[in-house]
Amino acid sequence: MIRATRNLLASLVTTILVLGAMALDATAQSGVVGWGAQVVNSSWNDEAFVEVAGGWWHTLARRGDGTVVAWGFNGHGQCDVPALPPGGSYTQMAGGFNHSVARRSDGTVVAWGNNYWGQCNVPALPPGLSYVEVAAGEAHTLALRSDGTIVAWGDNGSGQCNVPALSAGLSYVEIA
């Protein structure tokens, strides 16, 4: 994935994602525009999205109210966004090859779609911790916890789920 950010009118940030056979542009003023293999539902033309994330052949977009919509290839249910609990919202999401993952406002994480490698089996949180960020690979998923540790699950064929231990006093601050 290539991610580029540019400033527009000093206050509007536009994110452009280029993912293989598709491209997306999300702006706070004009919704999401897709071209190539990903054509956006025209009924969303007037909606403002605050985040977009792309999987292999599917795309997710988060609205300002915290709901998420998805479109594209849905052969494994990767576009079937789980319902939110009452009063909840999504705060971040990521797309893998054929799975999706999202963080909710209560600090929990949900994943859906192809679970062949266990990439949708979100580990339980220890008491007092929450998830603060998520990322998705081809067949694995990562999440950053509020204590600065990263957990990874799913396909580990190349060691991608073996998160290196950090020296004492250090913690992870971001994942991608």
N, C-alpha and C. Protein backbone atom coordinates (compact mmCIF):
# COMPACT_ATOMS: atom_id res chain seq x y z
N MET A 1 0.84 -1.17 0.00
CA MET A 1 0.00 0.00 0.00
C MET A 1 0.88 1.23 0.00
N ILE A 2 0.52 2.19 -0.78
CA ILE A 2 1.18 3.48 -0.80
C ILE A 2 0.23 4.47 -0.17
N ARG A 3 0.69 5.22 0.81
CA ARG A 3 -0.16 6.21 1.45
C ARG A 3 0.49 7.57 1.29
N ALA A 4 -0.28 8.51 0.81
CA ALA A 4 0.22 9.87 0.62
C ALA A 4 -0.77 10.83 1.24
N THR A 5 -0.28 11.83 1.92
CA THR A 5 -1.14 12.83 2.52
C THR A 5 -0.72 14.21 2.00
N ARG A 6 -1.70 15.04 1.70
CA ARG A 6 -1.41 16.41 1.27
C ARG A 6 -2.38 17.34 1.97
N ASN A 7 -1.95 18.55 2.24
CA ASN A 7 -2.80 19.53 2.90
C ASN A 7 -3.54 20.35 1.85
N LEU A 8 -4.82 20.57 2.07
CA LEU A 8 -5.63 21.41 1.20
C LEU A 8 -6.21 22.54 2.04
N LEU A 9 -6.03 23.74 1.60
CA LEU A 9 -6.56 24.93 2.28
C LEU A 9 -6.14 24.98 3.75
N ALA A 10 -4.98 24.48 4.06
CA ALA A 10 -4.36 24.52 5.38
C ALA A 10 -5.11 23.75 6.46
N SER A 11 -6.37 23.36 6.25
CA SER A 11 -7.08 22.66 7.31
C SER A 11 -7.67 21.33 6.85
N LEU A 12 -7.82 21.12 5.57
CA LEU A 12 -8.42 19.91 5.05
C LEU A 12 -7.31 18.95 4.65
N VAL A 13 -7.32 17.74 5.18
CA VAL A 13 -6.32 16.74 4.83
C VAL A 13 -6.99 15.70 3.94
N THR A 14 -6.36 15.40 2.83
CA THR A 14 -6.84 14.39 1.91
C THR A 14 -5.89 13.22 1.93
N THR A 15 -6.43 12.01 2.03
CA THR A 15 -5.61 10.82 1.98
C THR A 15 -5.90 10.08 0.69
N ILE A 16 -4.86 9.72 -0.01
CA ILE A 16 -5.01 8.96 -1.24
C ILE A 16 -4.37 7.60 -1.02
N LEU A 17 -5.13 6.54 -1.28
CA LEU A 17 -4.61 5.19 -1.16
C LEU A 17 -4.54 4.58 -2.55
N VAL A 18 -3.41 3.99 -2.89
CA VAL A 18 -3.27 3.31 -4.15
C VAL A 18 -2.96 1.86 -3.84
N LEU A 19 -3.86 0.97 -4.23
CA LEU A 19 -3.77 -0.44 -3.87
C LEU A 19 -3.94 -1.31 -5.10
N GLY A 20 -2.88 -1.70 -5.72
CA GLY A 20 -2.97 -2.60 -6.86
C GLY A 20 -3.87 -2.07 -7.95
N ALA A 21 -5.03 -2.70 -8.12
CA ALA A 21 -5.93 -2.36 -9.21
C ALA A 21 -6.98 -1.34 -8.84
N MET A 22 -6.81 -0.67 -7.72
CA MET A 22 -7.82 0.30 -7.33
C MET A 22 -7.15 1.52 -6.72
N ALA A 23 -7.89 2.60 -6.67
CA ALA A 23 -7.40 3.81 -6.02
C ALA A 23 -8.58 4.51 -5.39
N LEU A 24 -8.32 5.18 -4.28
CA LEU A 24 -9.37 5.89 -3.55
C LEU A 24 -8.88 7.25 -3.14
N ASP A 25 -9.80 8.18 -3.02
CA ASP A 25 -9.49 9.51 -2.53
C ASP A 25 -10.60 9.90 -1.56
N ALA A 26 -10.25 10.19 -0.32
CA ALA A 26 -11.25 10.59 0.67
C ALA A 26 -11.00 12.01 1.10
N THR A 27 -12.02 12.82 1.09
CA THR A 27 -11.91 14.17 1.58
C THR A 27 -13.05 14.45 2.53
N ALA A 28 -12.83 15.32 3.46
CA ALA A 28 -13.87 15.67 4.42
C ALA A 28 -15.01 16.43 3.76
N GLN A 29 -14.78 16.98 2.58
CA GLN A 29 -15.81 17.76 1.91
C GLN A 29 -16.65 16.96 0.93
N SER A 30 -16.07 15.96 0.28
CA SER A 30 -16.76 15.38 -0.86
C SER A 30 -16.89 13.87 -0.87
N GLY A 31 -16.74 13.19 0.24
CA GLY A 31 -16.94 11.75 0.27
C GLY A 31 -15.77 10.99 -0.29
N VAL A 32 -16.05 9.83 -0.87
CA VAL A 32 -15.03 8.94 -1.39
C VAL A 32 -15.23 8.77 -2.89
N VAL A 33 -14.15 8.83 -3.63
CA VAL A 33 -14.18 8.60 -5.06
C VAL A 33 -13.31 7.38 -5.33
N GLY A 34 -13.82 6.41 -6.06
CA GLY A 34 -13.04 5.22 -6.39
C GLY A 34 -12.96 5.04 -7.88
N TRP A 35 -11.87 4.47 -8.36
CA TRP A 35 -11.74 4.19 -9.77
C TRP A 35 -10.97 2.90 -9.93
N GLY A 36 -10.96 2.35 -11.12
CA GLY A 36 -10.36 1.04 -11.35
C GLY A 36 -11.36 -0.04 -10.96
N ALA A 37 -10.90 -1.04 -10.21
CA ALA A 37 -11.75 -2.15 -9.82
C ALA A 37 -12.72 -1.80 -8.70
N GLN A 38 -12.56 -0.67 -8.06
CA GLN A 38 -13.40 -0.28 -6.93
C GLN A 38 -14.25 0.92 -7.28
N VAL A 39 -15.50 0.69 -7.60
CA VAL A 39 -16.42 1.77 -7.87
C VAL A 39 -17.28 1.96 -6.63
N VAL A 40 -17.37 3.18 -6.15
CA VAL A 40 -18.07 3.50 -4.91
C VAL A 40 -19.57 3.62 -5.17
N ASN A 41 -20.36 3.16 -4.23
CA ASN A 41 -21.82 3.27 -4.29
C ASN A 41 -22.19 4.74 -4.48
N SER A 42 -22.88 5.05 -5.57
CA SER A 42 -23.19 6.44 -5.88
C SER A 42 -24.10 7.10 -4.83
N SER A 43 -24.81 6.31 -4.04
CA SER A 43 -25.66 6.91 -3.00
C SER A 43 -24.83 7.55 -1.89
N TRP A 44 -23.52 7.26 -1.85
CA TRP A 44 -22.65 7.84 -0.83
C TRP A 44 -21.95 9.11 -1.31
N ASN A 45 -22.27 9.60 -2.50
CA ASN A 45 -21.57 10.75 -3.07
C ASN A 45 -21.60 11.98 -2.18
N ASP A 46 -22.65 12.19 -1.43
CA ASP A 46 -22.77 13.39 -0.61
C ASP A 46 -22.38 13.16 0.83
N GLU A 47 -21.83 12.00 1.15
CA GLU A 47 -21.46 11.71 2.53
C GLU A 47 -20.02 12.11 2.79
N ALA A 48 -19.74 12.49 4.01
CA ALA A 48 -18.38 12.81 4.43
C ALA A 48 -17.80 11.62 5.16
N PHE A 49 -16.68 11.12 4.69
CA PHE A 49 -15.97 10.03 5.34
C PHE A 49 -14.70 10.58 5.98
N VAL A 50 -14.32 10.04 7.11
CA VAL A 50 -13.15 10.53 7.81
C VAL A 50 -11.95 9.60 7.69
N GLU A 51 -12.18 8.38 7.15
CA GLU A 51 -11.09 7.42 7.00
C GLU A 51 -11.47 6.41 5.94
N VAL A 52 -10.51 6.01 5.13
CA VAL A 52 -10.69 4.90 4.21
C VAL A 52 -9.56 3.90 4.42
N ALA A 53 -9.87 2.63 4.20
CA ALA A 53 -8.87 1.57 4.30
C ALA A 53 -9.15 0.57 3.19
N GLY A 54 -8.11 0.07 2.60
CA GLY A 54 -8.27 -0.87 1.50
C GLY A 54 -7.71 -2.23 1.82
N GLY A 55 -8.46 -3.27 1.47
CA GLY A 55 -7.98 -4.63 1.49
C GLY A 55 -7.52 -4.99 0.08
N TRP A 56 -7.44 -6.27 -0.21
CA TRP A 56 -6.97 -6.68 -1.53
C TRP A 56 -7.97 -6.27 -2.61
N TRP A 57 -9.22 -6.69 -2.50
CA TRP A 57 -10.26 -6.34 -3.46
C TRP A 57 -11.48 -5.78 -2.77
N HIS A 58 -11.30 -5.20 -1.60
CA HIS A 58 -12.42 -4.59 -0.90
C HIS A 58 -11.94 -3.32 -0.21
N THR A 59 -12.90 -2.46 0.12
CA THR A 59 -12.59 -1.17 0.72
C THR A 59 -13.54 -0.91 1.87
N LEU A 60 -13.02 -0.24 2.89
CA LEU A 60 -13.83 0.18 4.03
C LEU A 60 -13.75 1.70 4.15
N ALA A 61 -14.83 2.32 4.59
CA ALA A 61 -14.84 3.77 4.81
C ALA A 61 -15.60 4.05 6.09
N ARG A 62 -15.02 4.92 6.92
CA ARG A 62 -15.65 5.28 8.20
C ARG A 62 -16.25 6.66 8.07
N ARG A 63 -17.52 6.75 8.44
CA ARG A 63 -18.23 8.03 8.45
C ARG A 63 -17.91 8.80 9.73
N GLY A 64 -18.24 10.06 9.73
CA GLY A 64 -18.02 10.90 10.91
C GLY A 64 -18.78 10.44 12.14
N ASP A 65 -19.88 9.72 11.93
CA ASP A 65 -20.66 9.23 13.08
C ASP A 65 -20.14 7.91 13.64
N GLY A 66 -19.04 7.41 13.07
CA GLY A 66 -18.43 6.18 13.58
C GLY A 66 -18.95 4.90 12.97
N THR A 67 -19.84 4.99 11.99
CA THR A 67 -20.27 3.78 11.30
C THR A 67 -19.31 3.50 10.15
N VAL A 68 -19.25 2.24 9.74
CA VAL A 68 -18.35 1.82 8.66
C VAL A 68 -19.17 1.16 7.57
N VAL A 69 -18.85 1.49 6.32
CA VAL A 69 -19.42 0.82 5.17
C VAL A 69 -18.28 0.15 4.41
N ALA A 70 -18.60 -0.91 3.68
CA ALA A 70 -17.58 -1.63 2.91
C ALA A 70 -18.17 -2.05 1.58
N TRP A 71 -17.30 -2.17 0.58
CA TRP A 71 -17.73 -2.58 -0.74
C TRP A 71 -16.57 -3.27 -1.45
N GLY A 72 -16.90 -3.92 -2.55
CA GLY A 72 -15.91 -4.65 -3.33
C GLY A 72 -16.17 -6.14 -3.25
N PHE A 73 -15.16 -6.95 -3.51
CA PHE A 73 -15.29 -8.40 -3.44
C PHE A 73 -15.63 -8.80 -2.02
N ASN A 74 -16.68 -9.62 -1.87
CA ASN A 74 -17.14 -10.02 -0.54
C ASN A 74 -17.25 -11.54 -0.43
N GLY A 75 -16.40 -12.26 -1.13
CA GLY A 75 -16.47 -13.71 -1.17
C GLY A 75 -16.22 -14.40 0.16
N HIS A 76 -15.66 -13.69 1.14
CA HIS A 76 -15.39 -14.27 2.45
C HIS A 76 -16.07 -13.49 3.57
N GLY A 77 -16.96 -12.58 3.21
CA GLY A 77 -17.66 -11.78 4.21
C GLY A 77 -16.87 -10.59 4.72
N GLN A 78 -15.79 -10.24 4.03
CA GLN A 78 -14.94 -9.13 4.48
C GLN A 78 -15.62 -7.77 4.36
N CYS A 79 -16.74 -7.69 3.68
CA CYS A 79 -17.50 -6.44 3.58
C CYS A 79 -18.72 -6.42 4.50
N ASP A 80 -18.93 -7.49 5.25
CA ASP A 80 -20.08 -7.59 6.15
C ASP A 80 -19.70 -7.02 7.51
N VAL A 81 -19.72 -5.72 7.63
CA VAL A 81 -19.29 -5.02 8.85
C VAL A 81 -20.22 -5.40 10.02
N PRO A 82 -19.66 -5.88 11.14
CA PRO A 82 -20.50 -6.24 12.29
C PRO A 82 -21.26 -5.03 12.84
N ALA A 83 -22.44 -5.31 13.33
CA ALA A 83 -23.25 -4.25 13.96
C ALA A 83 -22.55 -3.75 15.21
N LEU A 84 -22.76 -2.48 15.50
CA LEU A 84 -22.19 -1.87 16.71
C LEU A 84 -23.12 -2.08 17.89
N PRO A 85 -22.55 -2.18 19.09
CA PRO A 85 -23.42 -2.20 20.27
C PRO A 85 -24.05 -0.82 20.45
N PRO A 86 -25.18 -0.74 21.16
CA PRO A 86 -25.83 0.56 21.38
C PRO A 86 -24.84 1.59 21.95
N GLY A 87 -24.83 2.76 21.33
CA GLY A 87 -23.96 3.85 21.79
C GLY A 87 -22.52 3.73 21.34
N GLY A 88 -22.17 2.68 20.63
CA GLY A 88 -20.79 2.47 20.20
C GLY A 88 -20.51 3.07 18.83
N SER A 89 -19.24 3.14 18.50
CA SER A 89 -18.82 3.61 17.19
C SER A 89 -17.51 2.94 16.83
N TYR A 90 -17.18 2.97 15.56
CA TYR A 90 -15.87 2.51 15.12
C TYR A 90 -14.93 3.70 15.12
N THR A 91 -13.69 3.48 15.54
CA THR A 91 -12.72 4.57 15.61
C THR A 91 -11.55 4.38 14.65
N GLN A 92 -11.40 3.17 14.11
CA GLN A 92 -10.33 2.89 13.16
C GLN A 92 -10.61 1.55 12.51
N MET A 93 -10.11 1.35 11.29
CA MET A 93 -10.28 0.06 10.64
C MET A 93 -9.12 -0.19 9.69
N ALA A 94 -8.98 -1.47 9.28
CA ALA A 94 -7.94 -1.85 8.33
C ALA A 94 -8.44 -3.04 7.52
N GLY A 95 -7.95 -3.16 6.31
CA GLY A 95 -8.33 -4.27 5.45
C GLY A 95 -7.14 -5.15 5.14
N GLY A 96 -7.33 -6.46 5.26
CA GLY A 96 -6.31 -7.43 4.88
C GLY A 96 -6.64 -7.99 3.50
N PHE A 97 -6.07 -9.14 3.18
CA PHE A 97 -6.32 -9.74 1.87
C PHE A 97 -7.80 -10.04 1.69
N ASN A 98 -8.36 -10.87 2.56
CA ASN A 98 -9.78 -11.19 2.51
C ASN A 98 -10.42 -11.10 3.89
N HIS A 99 -9.90 -10.22 4.71
CA HIS A 99 -10.50 -9.99 6.03
C HIS A 99 -10.40 -8.51 6.37
N SER A 100 -11.19 -8.11 7.35
CA SER A 100 -11.21 -6.72 7.81
C SER A 100 -11.14 -6.72 9.32
N VAL A 101 -10.66 -5.62 9.88
CA VAL A 101 -10.55 -5.48 11.33
C VAL A 101 -10.88 -4.03 11.69
N ALA A 102 -11.52 -3.85 12.84
CA ALA A 102 -11.88 -2.49 13.26
C ALA A 102 -11.80 -2.38 14.78
N ARG A 103 -11.46 -1.18 15.21
CA ARG A 103 -11.42 -0.87 16.65
C ARG A 103 -12.66 -0.07 16.98
N ARG A 104 -13.27 -0.44 18.10
CA ARG A 104 -14.49 0.24 18.55
C ARG A 104 -14.16 1.27 19.62
N SER A 105 -15.10 2.17 19.85
CA SER A 105 -14.90 3.26 20.82
C SER A 105 -14.71 2.76 22.24
N ASP A 106 -15.10 1.53 22.54
CA ASP A 106 -14.90 0.97 23.88
C ASP A 106 -13.53 0.30 24.04
N GLY A 107 -12.67 0.40 23.00
CA GLY A 107 -11.33 -0.17 23.07
C GLY A 107 -11.25 -1.63 22.68
N THR A 108 -12.35 -2.20 22.21
CA THR A 108 -12.31 -3.59 21.75
C THR A 108 -12.05 -3.62 20.24
N VAL A 109 -11.71 -4.80 19.76
CA VAL A 109 -11.43 -4.99 18.33
C VAL A 109 -12.30 -6.13 17.83
N VAL A 110 -12.83 -5.96 16.62
CA VAL A 110 -13.56 -7.03 15.94
C VAL A 110 -12.91 -7.26 14.58
N ALA A 111 -12.94 -8.51 14.14
CA ALA A 111 -12.40 -8.86 12.83
C ALA A 111 -13.38 -9.81 12.16
N TRP A 112 -13.47 -9.72 10.83
CA TRP A 112 -14.43 -10.54 10.10
C TRP A 112 -13.88 -10.82 8.71
N GLY A 113 -14.46 -11.83 8.06
CA GLY A 113 -14.03 -12.24 6.73
C GLY A 113 -13.35 -13.60 6.80
N ASN A 114 -12.41 -13.84 5.89
CA ASN A 114 -11.71 -15.12 5.83
C ASN A 114 -10.89 -15.32 7.11
N ASN A 115 -11.13 -16.44 7.78
CA ASN A 115 -10.43 -16.75 9.02
C ASN A 115 -9.61 -18.02 8.91
N TYR A 116 -9.19 -18.37 7.71
CA TYR A 116 -8.46 -19.61 7.47
C TYR A 116 -7.23 -19.74 8.36
N TRP A 117 -6.50 -18.67 8.56
CA TRP A 117 -5.28 -18.68 9.36
C TRP A 117 -5.51 -18.17 10.79
N GLY A 118 -6.75 -17.91 11.15
CA GLY A 118 -7.04 -17.40 12.49
C GLY A 118 -6.88 -15.90 12.59
N GLN A 119 -6.82 -15.20 11.46
CA GLN A 119 -6.60 -13.75 11.46
C GLN A 119 -7.79 -12.96 12.00
N CYS A 120 -8.92 -13.62 12.22
CA CYS A 120 -10.10 -12.95 12.79
C CYS A 120 -10.32 -13.33 14.26
N ASN A 121 -9.44 -14.13 14.82
CA ASN A 121 -9.57 -14.56 16.22
C ASN A 121 -8.88 -13.55 17.13
N VAL A 122 -9.55 -12.48 17.46
CA VAL A 122 -8.97 -11.39 18.25
C VAL A 122 -8.69 -11.89 19.67
N PRO A 123 -7.44 -11.74 20.13
CA PRO A 123 -7.11 -12.18 21.50
C PRO A 123 -7.85 -11.36 22.55
N ALA A 124 -8.24 -12.04 23.62
CA ALA A 124 -8.89 -11.35 24.73
C ALA A 124 -7.91 -10.37 25.37
N LEU A 125 -8.45 -9.27 25.84
CA LEU A 125 -7.62 -8.27 26.52
C LEU A 125 -7.45 -8.61 27.98
N PRO A 126 -6.26 -8.38 28.53
CA PRO A 126 -6.10 -8.49 29.98
C PRO A 126 -6.93 -7.40 30.66
N PRO A 127 -7.36 -7.63 31.88
CA PRO A 127 -8.15 -6.62 32.59
C PRO A 127 -7.43 -5.26 32.64
N GLY A 128 -8.20 -4.21 32.41
CA GLY A 128 -7.66 -2.85 32.49
C GLY A 128 -7.01 -2.33 31.22
N LEU A 129 -6.89 -3.17 30.19
CA LEU A 129 -6.26 -2.72 28.95
C LEU A 129 -7.31 -2.54 27.86
N SER A 130 -6.94 -1.77 26.85
CA SER A 130 -7.78 -1.60 25.68
C SER A 130 -6.88 -1.64 24.45
N TYR A 131 -7.49 -1.80 23.29
CA TYR A 131 -6.75 -1.70 22.05
C TYR A 131 -6.77 -0.24 21.60
N VAL A 132 -5.64 0.25 21.08
CA VAL A 132 -5.56 1.64 20.65
C VAL A 132 -5.28 1.80 19.16
N GLU A 133 -4.92 0.71 18.48
CA GLU A 133 -4.67 0.78 17.04
C GLU A 133 -4.71 -0.62 16.45
N VAL A 134 -5.11 -0.73 15.18
CA VAL A 134 -5.13 -2.01 14.49
C VAL A 134 -4.46 -1.90 13.13
N ALA A 135 -4.00 -3.04 12.62
CA ALA A 135 -3.44 -3.13 11.28
C ALA A 135 -3.72 -4.53 10.77
N ALA A 136 -3.82 -4.67 9.46
CA ALA A 136 -4.09 -5.97 8.86
C ALA A 136 -3.08 -6.25 7.76
N GLY A 137 -2.55 -7.46 7.77
CA GLY A 137 -1.68 -7.93 6.70
C GLY A 137 -2.47 -8.85 5.79
N GLU A 138 -1.76 -9.57 4.95
CA GLU A 138 -2.45 -10.47 4.02
C GLU A 138 -3.31 -11.48 4.76
N ALA A 139 -2.76 -12.19 5.71
CA ALA A 139 -3.51 -13.20 6.45
C ALA A 139 -3.17 -13.15 7.94
N HIS A 140 -2.80 -11.98 8.40
CA HIS A 140 -2.54 -11.80 9.83
C HIS A 140 -3.04 -10.42 10.24
N THR A 141 -3.20 -10.24 11.55
CA THR A 141 -3.73 -9.00 12.10
C THR A 141 -2.87 -8.60 13.28
N LEU A 142 -2.73 -7.31 13.49
CA LEU A 142 -1.97 -6.78 14.62
C LEU A 142 -2.81 -5.75 15.37
N ALA A 143 -2.56 -5.64 16.66
CA ALA A 143 -3.24 -4.62 17.45
C ALA A 143 -2.27 -4.11 18.52
N LEU A 144 -2.28 -2.81 18.70
CA LEU A 144 -1.49 -2.16 19.74
C LEU A 144 -2.38 -1.98 20.96
N ARG A 145 -1.87 -2.43 22.12
CA ARG A 145 -2.63 -2.30 23.36
C ARG A 145 -2.25 -1.01 24.08
N SER A 146 -3.09 -0.62 25.00
CA SER A 146 -2.89 0.63 25.75
C SER A 146 -1.63 0.59 26.62
N ASP A 147 -1.07 -0.58 26.87
CA ASP A 147 0.17 -0.68 27.66
C ASP A 147 1.42 -0.63 26.77
N GLY A 148 1.24 -0.38 25.45
CA GLY A 148 2.37 -0.28 24.54
C GLY A 148 2.85 -1.60 23.98
N THR A 149 2.13 -2.68 24.21
CA THR A 149 2.50 -3.97 23.63
C THR A 149 1.70 -4.21 22.35
N ILE A 150 2.27 -5.00 21.48
CA ILE A 150 1.60 -5.37 20.24
C ILE A 150 1.31 -6.86 20.29
N VAL A 151 0.10 -7.22 19.89
CA VAL A 151 -0.25 -8.62 19.71
C VAL A 151 -0.51 -8.84 18.23
N ALA A 152 -0.13 -10.02 17.74
CA ALA A 152 -0.32 -10.35 16.34
C ALA A 152 -0.84 -11.78 16.27
N TRP A 153 -1.74 -12.03 15.32
CA TRP A 153 -2.32 -13.37 15.19
C TRP A 153 -2.65 -13.63 13.74
N GLY A 154 -2.78 -14.90 13.40
CA GLY A 154 -3.05 -15.31 12.03
C GLY A 154 -1.86 -16.05 11.46
N ASP A 155 -1.69 -15.98 10.15
CA ASP A 155 -0.61 -16.68 9.46
C ASP A 155 0.74 -16.16 9.94
N ASN A 156 1.59 -17.08 10.39
CA ASN A 156 2.92 -16.72 10.87
C ASN A 156 4.00 -17.42 10.05
N GLY A 157 3.70 -17.74 8.80
CA GLY A 157 4.62 -18.50 7.95
C GLY A 157 5.96 -17.83 7.73
N SER A 158 6.03 -16.52 7.84
CA SER A 158 7.29 -15.80 7.67
C SER A 158 7.69 -15.07 8.95
N GLY A 159 7.09 -15.43 10.06
CA GLY A 159 7.42 -14.80 11.33
C GLY A 159 6.75 -13.46 11.56
N GLN A 160 5.75 -13.13 10.75
CA GLN A 160 5.12 -11.82 10.84
C GLN A 160 4.31 -11.62 12.12
N CYS A 161 4.06 -12.67 12.87
CA CYS A 161 3.34 -12.54 14.14
C CYS A 161 4.29 -12.61 15.34
N ASN A 162 5.58 -12.74 15.08
CA ASN A 162 6.58 -12.77 16.15
C ASN A 162 7.02 -11.34 16.46
N VAL A 163 6.28 -10.67 17.31
CA VAL A 163 6.58 -9.28 17.65
C VAL A 163 7.84 -9.25 18.52
N PRO A 164 8.86 -8.51 18.11
CA PRO A 164 10.10 -8.46 18.89
C PRO A 164 9.89 -7.83 20.27
N ALA A 165 10.54 -8.41 21.25
CA ALA A 165 10.51 -7.83 22.60
C ALA A 165 11.36 -6.55 22.59
N LEU A 166 10.92 -5.56 23.33
CA LEU A 166 11.65 -4.31 23.43
C LEU A 166 12.46 -4.26 24.72
N SER A 167 13.48 -3.44 24.72
CA SER A 167 14.28 -3.23 25.92
C SER A 167 13.42 -2.62 27.02
N ALA A 168 13.83 -2.84 28.25
CA ALA A 168 13.09 -2.28 29.39
C ALA A 168 12.93 -0.78 29.24
N GLY A 169 11.74 -0.28 29.54
CA GLY A 169 11.44 1.14 29.46
C GLY A 169 10.95 1.60 28.11
N LEU A 170 10.96 0.72 27.10
CA LEU A 170 10.48 1.08 25.77
C LEU A 170 9.12 0.44 25.52
N SER A 171 8.32 1.09 24.71
CA SER A 171 7.04 0.50 24.33
C SER A 171 6.74 0.91 22.88
N TYR A 172 5.90 0.14 22.24
CA TYR A 172 5.47 0.47 20.88
C TYR A 172 4.48 1.63 20.94
N VAL A 173 4.53 2.51 19.93
CA VAL A 173 3.61 3.65 19.89
C VAL A 173 2.73 3.65 18.65
N GLU A 174 3.06 2.84 17.63
CA GLU A 174 2.29 2.84 16.40
C GLU A 174 2.55 1.55 15.65
N ILE A 175 1.53 1.11 14.89
CA ILE A 175 1.69 -0.03 14.00
C ILE A 175 1.17 0.36 12.62
N ALA A 176 1.65 -0.33 11.61
CA ALA A 176 1.16 -0.08 10.24
C ALA A 176 1.17 -1.37 9.46
